[in-house]
C-alpha atoms as a PDB file:
ATOM      1  CA  MET A   1      -3.238 -23.918 -11.903  1.00  0.00           C
ATOM      2  CA  ARG A   2      -5.899 -21.985 -10.050  1.00  0.00           C
ATOM      3  CA  GLN A   3      -4.039 -22.401  -6.766  1.00  0.00           C
ATOM      4  CA  LEU A   4      -0.906 -20.954  -8.363  1.00  0.00           C
ATOM      5  CA  GLU A   5      -2.838 -17.918  -9.578  1.00  0.00           C
ATOM      6  CA  MET A   6      -3.891 -17.210  -6.001  1.00  0.00           C
ATOM      7  CA  PHE A   7      -0.276 -17.285  -4.798  1.00  0.00           C
ATOM      8  CA  LYS A   8       1.787 -15.381  -7.328  1.00  0.00           C
ATOM      9  CA  ASN A   9       4.887 -15.426  -5.126  1.00  0.00           C
ATOM     10  CA  VAL A  10       4.923 -19.194  -4.647  1.00  0.00           C
ATOM     11  CA  ARG A  11       6.266 -21.803  -7.032  1.00  0.00           C
ATOM     12  CA  ARG A  12       4.491 -25.089  -7.704  1.00  0.00           C
ATOM     13  CA  ASN A  13       7.201 -27.119  -5.919  1.00  0.00           C
ATOM     14  CA  ASP A  14       7.440 -24.880  -2.850  1.00  0.00           C
ATOM     15  CA  SER A  15       6.636 -26.256   0.570  1.00  0.00           C
ATOM     16  CA  ASP A  16       3.332 -25.912   2.352  1.00  0.00           C
ATOM     17  CA  THR A  17       4.942 -23.309   4.615  1.00  0.00           C
ATOM     18  CA  SER A  18       5.660 -21.139   1.563  1.00  0.00           C
ATOM     19  CA  PHE A  19       1.985 -21.271   0.626  1.00  0.00           C
ATOM     20  CA  ALA A  20       1.043 -20.409   4.214  1.00  0.00           C
ATOM     21  CA  ALA A  21       3.470 -17.473   4.214  1.00  0.00           C
ATOM     22  CA  ALA A  22       2.036 -16.182   0.929  1.00  0.00           C
ATOM     23  CA  ALA A  23      -1.478 -16.392   2.336  1.00  0.00           C
ATOM     24  CA  SER A  24      -0.489 -14.507   5.478  1.00  0.00           C
ATOM     25  CA  MET A  25       1.176 -11.762   3.414  1.00  0.00           C
ATOM     26  CA  GLU A  26      -1.977 -11.371   1.364  1.00  0.00           C
ATOM     27  CA  THR A  27      -3.904 -10.839   4.594  1.00  0.00           C
ATOM     28  CA  ALA A  28      -1.291  -8.383   5.866  1.00  0.00           C
ATOM     29  CA  ALA A  29      -1.319  -6.467   2.585  1.00  0.00           C
ATOM     30  CA  LYS A  30      -5.103  -6.014   2.806  1.00  0.00           C
ATOM     31  CA  ARG A  31      -4.773  -4.778   6.382  1.00  0.00           C
ATOM     32  CA  TYR A  32      -1.979  -2.368   5.423  1.00  0.00           C
ATOM     33  CA  LYS A  33      -3.992  -1.035   2.488  1.00  0.00           C
ATOM     34  CA  ALA A  34      -6.878  -0.326   4.854  1.00  0.00           C
ATOM     35  CA  ILE A  35      -4.553   1.499   7.258  1.00  0.00           C
ATOM     36  CA  VAL A  36      -3.105   3.670   4.481  1.00  0.00           C
ATOM     37  CA  TYR A  37      -6.592   4.405   3.113  1.00  0.00           C
ATOM     38  CA  ARG A  38      -7.993   5.355   6.542  1.00  0.00           C
ATOM     39  CA  THR A  39      -4.966   7.538   7.266  1.00  0.00           C
ATOM     40  CA  LEU A  40      -5.460   9.500   4.039  1.00  0.00           C
ATOM     41  CA  LEU A  41      -9.193   9.708   4.650  1.00  0.00           C
ATOM     42  CA  HIS A  42      -8.693  11.054   8.183  1.00  0.00           C
ATOM     43  CA  PHE A  43      -5.715  13.398   7.682  1.00  0.00           C
ATOM     44  CA  GLY A  44      -6.134  14.405   4.045  1.00  0.00           C
ATOM     45  CA  PRO A  45      -3.589  14.448   1.216  1.00  0.00           C
ATOM     46  CA  MET A  46      -0.068  13.348   2.187  1.00  0.00           C
ATOM     47  CA  THR A  47       3.160  11.911   0.825  1.00  0.00           C
ATOM     48  CA  SER A  48       4.005   8.275   1.507  1.00  0.00           C
ATOM     49  CA  GLU A  49       6.535   9.394   4.104  1.00  0.00           C
ATOM     50  CA  GLU A  50       3.925  11.558   5.834  1.00  0.00           C
ATOM     51  CA  ILE A  51       1.477   8.651   5.842  1.00  0.00           C
ATOM     52  CA  ALA A  52       4.110   6.454   7.513  1.00  0.00           C
ATOM     53  CA  GLY A  53       4.588   9.156  10.147  1.00  0.00           C
ATOM     54  CA  ARG A  54       0.878   9.127  10.975  1.00  0.00           C
ATOM     55  CA  CYS A  55       0.287   5.384  11.189  1.00  0.00           C
ATOM     56  CA  GLU A  56       2.005   2.313  12.601  1.00  0.00           C
ATOM     57  CA  LEU A  57       3.471   1.210   9.261  1.00  0.00           C
ATOM     58  CA  ASP A  58       7.039   1.649   8.033  1.00  0.00           C
ATOM     59  CA  TYR A  59       7.722   3.663   4.910  1.00  0.00           C
ATOM     60  CA  PRO A  60       8.336   0.591   2.674  1.00  0.00           C
ATOM     61  CA  GLN A  61       5.048  -0.928   3.827  1.00  0.00           C
ATOM     62  CA  VAL A  62       3.270   2.331   2.988  1.00  0.00           C
ATOM     63  CA  TRP A  63       4.680   2.906  -0.493  1.00  0.00           C
ATOM     64  CA  ARG A  64       3.868  -0.666  -1.521  1.00  0.00           C
ATOM     65  CA  ARG A  65       0.265  -0.216  -0.433  1.00  0.00           C
ATOM     66  CA  VAL A  66       0.084   3.261  -2.006  1.00  0.00           C
ATOM     67  CA  SER A  67       1.046   1.604  -5.279  1.00  0.00           C
ATOM     68  CA  ASP A  68      -1.707  -0.999  -4.806  1.00  0.00           C
ATOM     69  CA  LEU A  69      -4.324   1.623  -3.919  1.00  0.00           C
ATOM     70  CA  ARG A  70      -3.380   3.737  -6.926  1.00  0.00           C
ATOM     71  CA  ARG A  71      -3.585   0.705  -9.229  1.00  0.00           C
ATOM     72  CA  ASP A  72      -7.007  -0.084  -7.717  1.00  0.00           C
ATOM     73  CA  ASN A  73      -8.106   3.516  -8.453  1.00  0.00           C
ATOM     74  CA  VAL A  74      -8.793   4.217  -4.775  1.00  0.00           C
ATOM     75  CA  ILE A  75      -6.279   7.063  -4.445  1.00  0.00           C
ATOM     76  CA  HIS A  76      -4.641   9.452  -6.890  1.00  0.00           C
ATOM     77  CA  ASP A  77      -1.590  11.670  -7.233  1.00  0.00           C
ATOM     78  CA  THR A  78      -2.789  15.223  -6.587  1.00  0.00           C
ATOM     79  CA  GLY A  79      -0.006  16.725  -8.681  1.00  0.00           C
ATOM     80  CA  GLU A  80       1.315  18.542  -5.616  1.00  0.00           C
ATOM     81  CA  ARG A  81       4.923  17.892  -4.565  1.00  0.00           C
ATOM     82  CA  ARG A  82       6.471  18.236  -1.107  1.00  0.00           C
ATOM     83  CA  LYS A  83      10.012  17.787   0.128  1.00  0.00           C
ATOM     84  CA  ASN A  84      10.583  14.589   2.044  1.00  0.00           C
ATOM     85  CA  SER A  85      13.243  13.936   4.703  1.00  0.00           C
ATOM     86  CA  SER A  86      15.916  13.315   2.057  1.00  0.00           C
ATOM     87  CA  GLY A  87      15.220  16.708   0.481  1.00  0.00           C
ATOM     88  CA  ARG A  88      13.704  15.198  -2.649  1.00  0.00           C
ATOM     89  CA  MET A  89      10.285  16.081  -3.939  1.00  0.00           C
ATOM     90  CA  ALA A  90       7.582  13.484  -3.303  1.00  0.00           C
ATOM     91  CA  GLY A  91       4.106  13.059  -4.742  1.00  0.00           C
ATOM     92  CA  VAL A  92       1.100  13.863  -2.581  1.00  0.00           C
ATOM     93  CA  TRP A  93      -1.669  11.245  -2.497  1.00  0.00           C
ATOM     94  CA  ALA A  94      -5.392  11.724  -1.868  1.00  0.00           C
ATOM     95  CA  VAL A  95      -8.449   9.505  -1.662  1.00  0.00           C
ATOM     96  CA  ASN A  96     -10.634   9.525  -4.778  1.00  0.00           C
ATOM     97  CA  LYS A  97     -13.973  11.174  -4.036  1.00  0.00           C
ATOM     98  CA  GLU A  98     -15.884   8.236  -5.490  1.00  0.00           C
ATOM     99  CA  THR A  99     -14.361   5.867  -2.918  1.00  0.00           C
ATOM    100  CA  SER A 100     -14.634   7.990   0.226  1.00  0.00           C
END
């Protein structure tokens, strides 16, 4: 059971390659979180789309990691809103002072 807890996206009967893929995604997710964090730390508060424009990650990779960082209490929604490329208002994210 412990092995299954480590790999939430893998079923018990999945192949060894599925477990390997899950492990590699966990590593990638940590790397992407670090990139998003460093981008916010260096450039200041930004929307997810703005973060993607400043780093080598695609927008979907960024918003997934923004969600993780917010859940981990590393970043917060500033309450500010900015228009994104679609014309919709987007939340602006910033690094929590305790973590910087």
